[in-house]
Amino acid sequence: MDRPLFFLDVGSPWCWLAAERVNAVVEPVPDWIPIQAREPVGVDRAEVERRASDAGLPPVRWPDPFPFDSRNATLAATFAKQSGRVVAFSLAAMRQAFAAGRDLSVVDNVLLAAAACELHPRAVLKGIESRSVSDALAAAEERARAAGVAELPALVSAGRVRSGANLLDT
């Protein structure tokens, strides 16, 4: 049986909420694939805060600015995927953004997340600037489009796409 695919943008609070639960509720555990959302989706901050509280997550601290450019963080997540640390890095990055209020367009904040999962800062910086990582991200984004993903977070399993804020509620 093929593993489900979990597409996420580390700059999305909806992806953060799904990411905190997806490995516990989806069997088999999905393959995490970081991509960058094509367009920022409107975020109901009060709803995100309510859902985080209901899930027992730390209170949401919104980064300033929000939304932020998640390109470097997404490249770092793609780099982390290549070394088997995509789950650890993605969760650390989203927690930096939405539990600590750090703007992930700031490279130092991305490096804080990298340190939390034992990725060396110089390696991450090289990865962010690497053509191979950029190409891997582009390939992941094309894979999402080809699978019919139009909204994040998204879960693709057995040819079926489920996506959006209520992804894990169905």
N, C-alpha and C. Protein backbone atom coordinates (compact mmCIF):
# COMPACT_ATOMS: atom_id res chain seq x y z
N MET A 1 0.85 -1.18 0.00
CA MET A 1 0.00 0.00 0.00
C MET A 1 0.89 1.24 0.00
N ASP A 2 0.59 2.15 -0.92
CA ASP A 2 1.35 3.40 -0.97
C ASP A 2 1.01 4.28 0.22
N ARG A 3 2.02 4.98 0.69
CA ARG A 3 1.79 5.92 1.79
C ARG A 3 1.01 7.12 1.28
N PRO A 4 0.09 7.64 2.09
CA PRO A 4 -0.58 8.89 1.73
C PRO A 4 0.46 10.00 1.64
N LEU A 5 0.13 11.05 0.91
CA LEU A 5 1.00 12.21 0.75
C LEU A 5 0.39 13.38 1.50
N PHE A 6 1.17 14.01 2.36
CA PHE A 6 0.71 15.17 3.13
C PHE A 6 1.46 16.39 2.61
N PHE A 7 0.75 17.23 1.85
CA PHE A 7 1.33 18.46 1.30
C PHE A 7 1.07 19.59 2.28
N LEU A 8 2.11 20.38 2.58
CA LEU A 8 1.98 21.45 3.56
C LEU A 8 2.88 22.62 3.21
N ASP A 9 2.49 23.78 3.68
CA ASP A 9 3.31 24.99 3.61
C ASP A 9 3.62 25.38 5.05
N VAL A 10 4.89 25.45 5.39
CA VAL A 10 5.28 25.75 6.78
C VAL A 10 4.88 27.16 7.20
N GLY A 11 4.43 27.98 6.28
CA GLY A 11 3.97 29.32 6.61
C GLY A 11 2.48 29.42 6.85
N SER A 12 1.80 28.29 6.87
CA SER A 12 0.34 28.28 7.03
C SER A 12 -0.08 27.78 8.40
N PRO A 13 -0.88 28.56 9.14
CA PRO A 13 -1.35 28.06 10.43
C PRO A 13 -2.28 26.86 10.28
N TRP A 14 -3.01 26.78 9.17
CA TRP A 14 -3.87 25.61 8.94
C TRP A 14 -3.01 24.37 8.77
N CYS A 15 -1.89 24.51 8.08
CA CYS A 15 -0.97 23.38 7.93
C CYS A 15 -0.37 22.99 9.28
N TRP A 16 -0.06 23.98 10.11
CA TRP A 16 0.47 23.69 11.44
C TRP A 16 -0.53 22.86 12.25
N LEU A 17 -1.79 23.28 12.25
CA LEU A 17 -2.80 22.55 13.02
C LEU A 17 -2.93 21.11 12.52
N ALA A 18 -2.93 20.93 11.20
CA ALA A 18 -3.03 19.57 10.64
C ALA A 18 -1.76 18.78 10.95
N ALA A 19 -0.61 19.42 10.83
CA ALA A 19 0.67 18.73 11.02
C ALA A 19 0.81 18.19 12.44
N GLU A 20 0.27 18.90 13.40
CA GLU A 20 0.37 18.45 14.79
C GLU A 20 -0.40 17.15 15.03
N ARG A 21 -1.34 16.81 14.13
CA ARG A 21 -2.18 15.62 14.34
C ARG A 21 -2.02 14.53 13.29
N VAL A 22 -1.55 14.89 12.10
CA VAL A 22 -1.67 13.98 10.96
C VAL A 22 -1.01 12.62 11.19
N ASN A 23 0.14 12.58 11.79
CA ASN A 23 0.81 11.29 11.98
C ASN A 23 0.08 10.39 12.97
N ALA A 24 -0.72 10.99 13.85
CA ALA A 24 -1.46 10.21 14.84
C ALA A 24 -2.78 9.68 14.29
N VAL A 25 -3.34 10.33 13.27
CA VAL A 25 -4.68 9.94 12.82
C VAL A 25 -4.72 9.33 11.43
N VAL A 26 -3.65 9.41 10.67
CA VAL A 26 -3.64 8.86 9.32
C VAL A 26 -2.75 7.62 9.31
N GLU A 27 -3.30 6.52 8.79
CA GLU A 27 -2.52 5.29 8.66
C GLU A 27 -2.50 4.85 7.21
N PRO A 28 -1.36 4.42 6.71
CA PRO A 28 -0.07 4.54 7.36
C PRO A 28 0.36 6.00 7.46
N VAL A 29 1.37 6.25 8.26
CA VAL A 29 1.88 7.62 8.43
C VAL A 29 2.21 8.19 7.05
N PRO A 30 1.74 9.40 6.77
CA PRO A 30 1.95 9.96 5.43
C PRO A 30 3.38 10.43 5.18
N ASP A 31 3.67 10.56 3.90
CA ASP A 31 4.93 11.15 3.43
C ASP A 31 4.72 12.66 3.40
N TRP A 32 5.47 13.39 4.20
CA TRP A 32 5.33 14.85 4.27
C TRP A 32 6.06 15.48 3.08
N ILE A 33 5.35 16.36 2.37
CA ILE A 33 5.92 17.02 1.20
C ILE A 33 5.72 18.52 1.33
N PRO A 34 6.77 19.26 1.67
CA PRO A 34 6.64 20.71 1.78
C PRO A 34 6.55 21.35 0.39
N ILE A 35 5.59 22.25 0.26
CA ILE A 35 5.46 23.07 -0.94
C ILE A 35 5.07 24.47 -0.47
N GLN A 36 5.11 25.41 -1.39
CA GLN A 36 4.70 26.76 -1.03
C GLN A 36 3.34 27.02 -1.64
N ALA A 37 2.42 27.50 -0.82
CA ALA A 37 1.07 27.81 -1.32
C ALA A 37 1.18 28.82 -2.45
N ARG A 38 0.38 28.61 -3.47
CA ARG A 38 0.42 29.52 -4.61
C ARG A 38 -0.05 30.91 -4.23
N GLU A 39 -1.10 30.96 -3.44
CA GLU A 39 -1.62 32.25 -3.00
C GLU A 39 -2.00 32.14 -1.54
N PRO A 40 -1.71 33.17 -0.77
CA PRO A 40 -2.10 33.12 0.64
C PRO A 40 -3.62 32.99 0.77
N VAL A 41 -4.03 32.11 1.66
CA VAL A 41 -5.45 31.91 1.92
C VAL A 41 -5.82 32.74 3.14
N GLY A 42 -7.00 33.34 3.10
CA GLY A 42 -7.45 34.12 4.24
C GLY A 42 -7.45 33.27 5.51
N VAL A 43 -7.07 33.87 6.58
CA VAL A 43 -6.97 33.15 7.85
C VAL A 43 -7.86 33.83 8.88
N ASP A 44 -8.78 33.07 9.43
CA ASP A 44 -9.61 33.53 10.53
C ASP A 44 -8.80 33.29 11.80
N ARG A 45 -8.15 34.34 12.28
CA ARG A 45 -7.24 34.18 13.42
C ARG A 45 -7.94 33.61 14.65
N ALA A 46 -9.14 34.08 14.92
CA ALA A 46 -9.86 33.58 16.09
C ALA A 46 -10.14 32.09 15.96
N GLU A 47 -10.46 31.63 14.76
CA GLU A 47 -10.72 30.21 14.54
C GLU A 47 -9.45 29.38 14.71
N VAL A 48 -8.33 29.87 14.19
CA VAL A 48 -7.05 29.17 14.38
C VAL A 48 -6.74 29.08 15.87
N GLU A 49 -6.91 30.18 16.59
CA GLU A 49 -6.63 30.21 18.03
C GLU A 49 -7.53 29.23 18.78
N ARG A 50 -8.81 29.18 18.41
CA ARG A 50 -9.75 28.26 19.06
C ARG A 50 -9.34 26.81 18.81
N ARG A 51 -9.03 26.50 17.56
CA ARG A 51 -8.65 25.12 17.22
C ARG A 51 -7.35 24.72 17.90
N ALA A 52 -6.40 25.63 17.98
CA ALA A 52 -5.14 25.33 18.67
C ALA A 52 -5.42 25.02 20.14
N SER A 53 -6.25 25.83 20.76
CA SER A 53 -6.60 25.62 22.16
C SER A 53 -7.32 24.28 22.34
N ASP A 54 -8.29 24.00 21.47
CA ASP A 54 -9.03 22.74 21.55
C ASP A 54 -8.11 21.53 21.39
N ALA A 55 -7.04 21.68 20.62
CA ALA A 55 -6.10 20.59 20.38
C ALA A 55 -5.04 20.48 21.48
N GLY A 56 -5.09 21.40 22.45
CA GLY A 56 -4.10 21.37 23.53
C GLY A 56 -2.74 21.92 23.13
N LEU A 57 -2.72 22.72 22.06
CA LEU A 57 -1.47 23.33 21.60
C LEU A 57 -1.22 24.62 22.37
N PRO A 58 0.00 25.12 22.33
CA PRO A 58 0.29 26.40 23.00
C PRO A 58 -0.57 27.52 22.40
N PRO A 59 -0.81 28.57 23.17
CA PRO A 59 -1.54 29.71 22.61
C PRO A 59 -0.84 30.24 21.36
N VAL A 60 -1.63 30.62 20.39
CA VAL A 60 -1.07 31.14 19.14
C VAL A 60 -0.49 32.52 19.39
N ARG A 61 0.73 32.72 18.92
CA ARG A 61 1.37 34.04 18.88
C ARG A 61 1.63 34.32 17.42
N TRP A 62 0.96 35.31 16.88
CA TRP A 62 1.05 35.59 15.45
C TRP A 62 2.34 36.32 15.11
N PRO A 63 3.04 35.84 14.09
CA PRO A 63 4.24 36.56 13.65
C PRO A 63 3.86 37.92 13.07
N ASP A 64 4.77 38.84 13.13
CA ASP A 64 4.57 40.15 12.52
C ASP A 64 5.72 40.38 11.56
N PRO A 65 5.45 40.40 10.26
CA PRO A 65 4.13 40.43 9.63
C PRO A 65 3.57 39.02 9.45
N PHE A 66 2.28 38.97 9.25
CA PHE A 66 1.62 37.74 8.83
C PHE A 66 0.56 38.12 7.83
N PRO A 67 0.48 37.45 6.70
CA PRO A 67 1.36 36.35 6.31
C PRO A 67 2.76 36.84 5.97
N PHE A 68 3.70 35.92 6.01
CA PHE A 68 5.09 36.22 5.68
C PHE A 68 5.49 35.37 4.47
N ASP A 69 6.61 35.71 3.88
CA ASP A 69 7.14 34.94 2.75
C ASP A 69 7.78 33.67 3.30
N SER A 70 7.20 32.53 2.99
CA SER A 70 7.70 31.27 3.55
C SER A 70 8.69 30.55 2.62
N ARG A 71 9.17 31.22 1.58
CA ARG A 71 10.03 30.56 0.59
C ARG A 71 11.29 29.93 1.23
N ASN A 72 12.04 30.70 2.01
CA ASN A 72 13.26 30.14 2.61
C ASN A 72 12.95 29.00 3.57
N ALA A 73 11.89 29.13 4.34
CA ALA A 73 11.52 28.06 5.26
C ALA A 73 11.08 26.81 4.49
N THR A 74 10.39 27.00 3.37
CA THR A 74 9.97 25.86 2.56
C THR A 74 11.16 25.19 1.89
N LEU A 75 12.12 25.99 1.44
CA LEU A 75 13.36 25.42 0.90
C LEU A 75 14.10 24.64 1.99
N ALA A 76 14.14 25.19 3.20
CA ALA A 76 14.80 24.49 4.30
C ALA A 76 14.07 23.18 4.63
N ALA A 77 12.75 23.19 4.56
CA ALA A 77 11.98 21.96 4.79
C ALA A 77 12.27 20.93 3.70
N THR A 78 12.41 21.40 2.47
CA THR A 78 12.76 20.51 1.36
C THR A 78 14.15 19.91 1.58
N PHE A 79 15.08 20.74 2.02
CA PHE A 79 16.42 20.26 2.37
C PHE A 79 16.34 19.23 3.49
N ALA A 80 15.54 19.52 4.51
CA ALA A 80 15.38 18.59 5.64
C ALA A 80 14.79 17.26 5.18
N LYS A 81 13.90 17.31 4.21
CA LYS A 81 13.31 16.07 3.68
C LYS A 81 14.40 15.17 3.10
N GLN A 82 15.37 15.78 2.45
CA GLN A 82 16.44 15.00 1.82
C GLN A 82 17.31 14.28 2.85
N SER A 83 17.28 14.74 4.09
CA SER A 83 18.07 14.07 5.14
C SER A 83 17.17 13.34 6.15
N GLY A 84 15.90 13.15 5.79
CA GLY A 84 15.00 12.40 6.66
C GLY A 84 14.48 13.16 7.86
N ARG A 85 14.56 14.50 7.82
CA ARG A 85 14.13 15.29 8.98
C ARG A 85 12.98 16.25 8.66
N VAL A 86 12.22 15.95 7.63
CA VAL A 86 11.17 16.88 7.22
C VAL A 86 10.10 17.05 8.30
N VAL A 87 9.72 15.98 8.97
CA VAL A 87 8.69 16.10 10.00
C VAL A 87 9.20 16.96 11.15
N ALA A 88 10.38 16.62 11.66
CA ALA A 88 10.95 17.37 12.79
C ALA A 88 11.15 18.84 12.43
N PHE A 89 11.73 19.10 11.25
CA PHE A 89 11.96 20.49 10.87
C PHE A 89 10.65 21.23 10.66
N SER A 90 9.72 20.65 9.94
CA SER A 90 8.46 21.34 9.63
C SER A 90 7.71 21.69 10.91
N LEU A 91 7.63 20.73 11.84
CA LEU A 91 6.96 21.03 13.11
C LEU A 91 7.71 22.12 13.87
N ALA A 92 9.03 22.04 13.91
CA ALA A 92 9.81 23.07 14.61
C ALA A 92 9.60 24.44 13.98
N ALA A 93 9.60 24.50 12.66
CA ALA A 93 9.41 25.79 11.97
C ALA A 93 8.02 26.36 12.25
N MET A 94 7.00 25.52 12.14
CA MET A 94 5.64 26.02 12.37
C MET A 94 5.43 26.40 13.83
N ARG A 95 6.07 25.71 14.74
CA ARG A 95 5.98 26.10 16.15
C ARG A 95 6.71 27.42 16.39
N GLN A 96 7.83 27.63 15.71
CA GLN A 96 8.51 28.93 15.81
C GLN A 96 7.57 30.04 15.32
N ALA A 97 6.88 29.77 14.22
CA ALA A 97 6.00 30.78 13.64
C ALA A 97 4.76 31.03 14.49
N PHE A 98 4.05 29.97 14.86
CA PHE A 98 2.72 30.15 15.43
C PHE A 98 2.62 29.95 16.94
N ALA A 99 3.65 29.42 17.57
CA ALA A 99 3.66 29.34 19.03
C ALA A 99 4.63 30.35 19.62
N ALA A 100 5.66 30.73 18.84
CA ALA A 100 6.64 31.71 19.33
C ALA A 100 6.51 33.05 18.62
N GLY A 101 5.69 33.13 17.59
CA GLY A 101 5.46 34.40 16.90
C GLY A 101 6.63 34.88 16.05
N ARG A 102 7.43 33.96 15.54
CA ARG A 102 8.61 34.36 14.75
C ARG A 102 8.30 34.32 13.26
N ASP A 103 8.74 35.34 12.58
CA ASP A 103 8.57 35.51 11.14
C ASP A 103 9.55 34.60 10.40
N LEU A 104 9.05 33.61 9.67
CA LEU A 104 9.93 32.66 8.99
C LEU A 104 10.53 33.20 7.70
N SER A 105 10.23 34.45 7.35
CA SER A 105 10.96 35.05 6.23
C SER A 105 12.35 35.51 6.69
N VAL A 106 12.55 35.55 8.00
CA VAL A 106 13.85 35.90 8.59
C VAL A 106 14.66 34.61 8.72
N VAL A 107 15.78 34.56 8.02
CA VAL A 107 16.58 33.33 7.96
C VAL A 107 17.00 32.86 9.35
N ASP A 108 17.33 33.77 10.26
CA ASP A 108 17.74 33.35 11.61
C ASP A 108 16.63 32.55 12.30
N ASN A 109 15.37 32.89 12.04
CA ASN A 109 14.27 32.14 12.63
C ASN A 109 14.15 30.74 12.02
N VAL A 110 14.45 30.63 10.74
CA VAL A 110 14.49 29.32 10.08
C VAL A 110 15.61 28.48 10.69
N LEU A 111 16.73 29.12 10.97
CA LEU A 111 17.87 28.39 11.56
C LEU A 111 17.58 27.93 12.99
N LEU A 112 16.75 28.67 13.72
CA LEU A 112 16.32 28.21 15.05
C LEU A 112 15.57 26.88 14.93
N ALA A 113 14.68 26.81 13.95
CA ALA A 113 13.94 25.57 13.73
C ALA A 113 14.88 24.45 13.31
N ALA A 114 15.85 24.77 12.47
CA ALA A 114 16.82 23.77 12.03
C ALA A 114 17.63 23.23 13.21
N ALA A 115 18.03 24.11 14.10
CA ALA A 115 18.81 23.69 15.26
C ALA A 115 18.00 22.74 16.15
N ALA A 116 16.70 22.96 16.21
CA ALA A 116 15.85 22.11 17.04
C ALA A 116 15.80 20.67 16.56
N CYS A 117 16.12 20.46 15.29
CA CYS A 117 16.13 19.07 14.77
C CYS A 117 17.51 18.66 14.30
N GLU A 118 18.52 19.32 14.85
CA GLU A 118 19.93 18.96 14.64
C GLU A 118 20.39 19.06 13.19
N LEU A 119 19.88 20.06 12.49
CA LEU A 119 20.40 20.38 11.16
C LEU A 119 21.40 21.51 11.33
N HIS A 120 22.58 21.34 10.79
CA HIS A 120 23.63 22.34 10.95
C HIS A 120 23.27 23.61 10.17
N PRO A 121 23.42 24.79 10.80
CA PRO A 121 23.02 26.04 10.14
C PRO A 121 23.70 26.27 8.79
N ARG A 122 24.99 25.98 8.71
CA ARG A 122 25.68 26.19 7.42
C ARG A 122 25.13 25.27 6.34
N ALA A 123 24.82 24.05 6.71
CA ALA A 123 24.25 23.11 5.74
C ALA A 123 22.88 23.59 5.28
N VAL A 124 22.08 24.10 6.21
CA VAL A 124 20.76 24.61 5.85
C VAL A 124 20.89 25.82 4.94
N LEU A 125 21.79 26.74 5.27
CA LEU A 125 21.99 27.92 4.41
C LEU A 125 22.42 27.51 3.01
N LYS A 126 23.32 26.55 2.91
CA LYS A 126 23.73 26.06 1.58
C LYS A 126 22.55 25.40 0.88
N GLY A 127 21.76 24.65 1.63
CA GLY A 127 20.59 24.00 1.06
C GLY A 127 19.58 24.99 0.50
N ILE A 128 19.33 26.06 1.25
CA ILE A 128 18.39 27.09 0.81
C ILE A 128 18.84 27.69 -0.52
N GLU A 129 20.14 27.82 -0.69
CA GLU A 129 20.69 28.45 -1.89
C GLU A 129 20.97 27.44 -3.01
N SER A 130 20.80 26.17 -2.74
CA SER A 130 21.15 25.11 -3.69
C SER A 130 20.12 24.96 -4.81
N ARG A 131 20.63 24.83 -6.01
CA ARG A 131 19.73 24.60 -7.15
C ARG A 131 19.01 23.25 -7.02
N SER A 132 19.71 22.25 -6.50
CA SER A 132 19.07 20.93 -6.39
C SER A 132 17.89 20.96 -5.42
N VAL A 133 18.01 21.73 -4.35
CA VAL A 133 16.89 21.86 -3.40
C VAL A 133 15.76 22.65 -4.05
N SER A 134 16.10 23.73 -4.74
CA SER A 134 15.09 24.51 -5.45
C SER A 134 14.37 23.65 -6.49
N ASP A 135 15.13 22.83 -7.21
CA ASP A 135 14.53 21.93 -8.20
C ASP A 135 13.63 20.89 -7.53
N ALA A 136 14.05 20.38 -6.37
CA ALA A 136 13.24 19.40 -5.64
C ALA A 136 11.93 20.03 -5.17
N LEU A 137 11.99 21.29 -4.73
CA LEU A 137 10.77 22.00 -4.33
C LEU A 137 9.85 22.18 -5.54
N ALA A 138 10.41 22.59 -6.66
CA ALA A 138 9.60 22.76 -7.88
C ALA A 138 8.95 21.44 -8.29
N ALA A 139 9.69 20.34 -8.18
CA ALA A 139 9.15 19.03 -8.52
C ALA A 139 8.02 18.64 -7.56
N ALA A 140 8.17 18.96 -6.29
CA ALA A 140 7.12 18.67 -5.30
C ALA A 140 5.87 19.48 -5.60
N GLU A 141 6.06 20.75 -5.98
CA GLU A 141 4.91 21.60 -6.31
C GLU A 141 4.21 21.08 -7.56
N GLU A 142 4.96 20.60 -8.53
CA GLU A 142 4.37 20.01 -9.74
C GLU A 142 3.63 18.72 -9.38
N ARG A 143 4.20 17.94 -8.49
CA ARG A 143 3.54 16.71 -8.05
C ARG A 143 2.20 17.01 -7.40
N ALA A 144 2.16 18.06 -6.59
CA ALA A 144 0.91 18.46 -5.95
C ALA A 144 -0.12 18.88 -7.00
N ARG A 145 0.30 19.70 -7.95
CA ARG A 145 -0.62 20.13 -9.03
C ARG A 145 -1.15 18.92 -9.79
N ALA A 146 -0.25 18.01 -10.15
CA ALA A 146 -0.64 16.82 -10.91
C ALA A 146 -1.62 15.94 -10.14
N ALA A 147 -1.50 15.94 -8.82
CA ALA A 147 -2.41 15.15 -7.98
C ALA A 147 -3.75 15.84 -7.78
N GLY A 148 -3.85 17.11 -8.19
CA GLY A 148 -5.11 17.84 -8.03
C GLY A 148 -5.21 18.66 -6.77
N VAL A 149 -4.07 18.90 -6.12
CA VAL A 149 -4.08 19.71 -4.90
C VAL A 149 -4.28 21.17 -5.27
N ALA A 150 -5.32 21.78 -4.72
CA ALA A 150 -5.62 23.18 -4.99
C ALA A 150 -5.57 24.03 -3.72
N GLU A 151 -5.51 23.39 -2.57
CA GLU A 151 -5.54 24.09 -1.28
C GLU A 151 -4.70 23.31 -0.29
N LEU A 152 -4.08 24.02 0.63
CA LEU A 152 -3.27 23.38 1.67
C LEU A 152 -3.89 23.62 3.04
N PRO A 153 -3.67 22.70 3.96
CA PRO A 153 -2.97 21.44 3.82
C PRO A 153 -3.78 20.47 2.96
N ALA A 154 -3.09 19.47 2.42
CA ALA A 154 -3.76 18.47 1.58
C ALA A 154 -3.21 17.09 1.87
N LEU A 155 -4.09 16.14 1.78
CA LEU A 155 -3.74 14.74 1.95
C LEU A 155 -4.22 14.00 0.71
N VAL A 156 -3.30 13.32 0.05
CA VAL A 156 -3.63 12.55 -1.15
C VAL A 156 -3.42 11.08 -0.81
N SER A 157 -4.49 10.30 -0.98
CA SER A 157 -4.43 8.88 -0.69
C SER A 157 -5.34 8.14 -1.65
N ALA A 158 -4.79 7.11 -2.28
CA ALA A 158 -5.55 6.29 -3.23
C ALA A 158 -6.23 7.15 -4.30
N GLY A 159 -5.52 8.18 -4.77
CA GLY A 159 -6.04 9.04 -5.81
C GLY A 159 -7.07 10.06 -5.35
N ARG A 160 -7.38 10.07 -4.08
CA ARG A 160 -8.36 11.01 -3.52
C ARG A 160 -7.64 12.15 -2.82
N VAL A 161 -8.10 13.38 -3.09
CA VAL A 161 -7.51 14.57 -2.46
C VAL A 161 -8.48 15.11 -1.43
N ARG A 162 -7.99 15.29 -0.22
CA ARG A 162 -8.73 16.02 0.82
C ARG A 162 -7.87 17.20 1.21
N SER A 163 -8.49 18.35 1.39
CA SER A 163 -7.67 19.53 1.68
C SER A 163 -8.44 20.56 2.48
N GLY A 164 -7.68 21.53 2.99
CA GLY A 164 -8.26 22.66 3.68
C GLY A 164 -8.20 22.53 5.19
N ALA A 165 -8.75 23.52 5.84
CA ALA A 165 -8.69 23.63 7.30
C ALA A 165 -9.33 22.43 8.00
N ASN A 166 -10.31 21.79 7.37
CA ASN A 166 -11.00 20.66 7.99
C ASN A 166 -10.48 19.31 7.51
N LEU A 167 -9.28 19.31 6.98
CA LEU A 167 -8.68 18.13 6.37
C LEU A 167 -8.84 16.86 7.20
N LEU A 168 -8.56 16.92 8.47
CA LEU A 168 -8.56 15.72 9.30
C LEU A 168 -9.89 15.46 9.99
N ASP A 169 -10.88 16.29 9.70
CA ASP A 169 -12.19 16.13 10.33
C ASP A 169 -13.11 15.23 9.53
N THR A 170 -12.65 14.78 8.35
CA THR A 170 -13.53 13.96 7.51
C THR A 170 -13.19 12.50 7.61
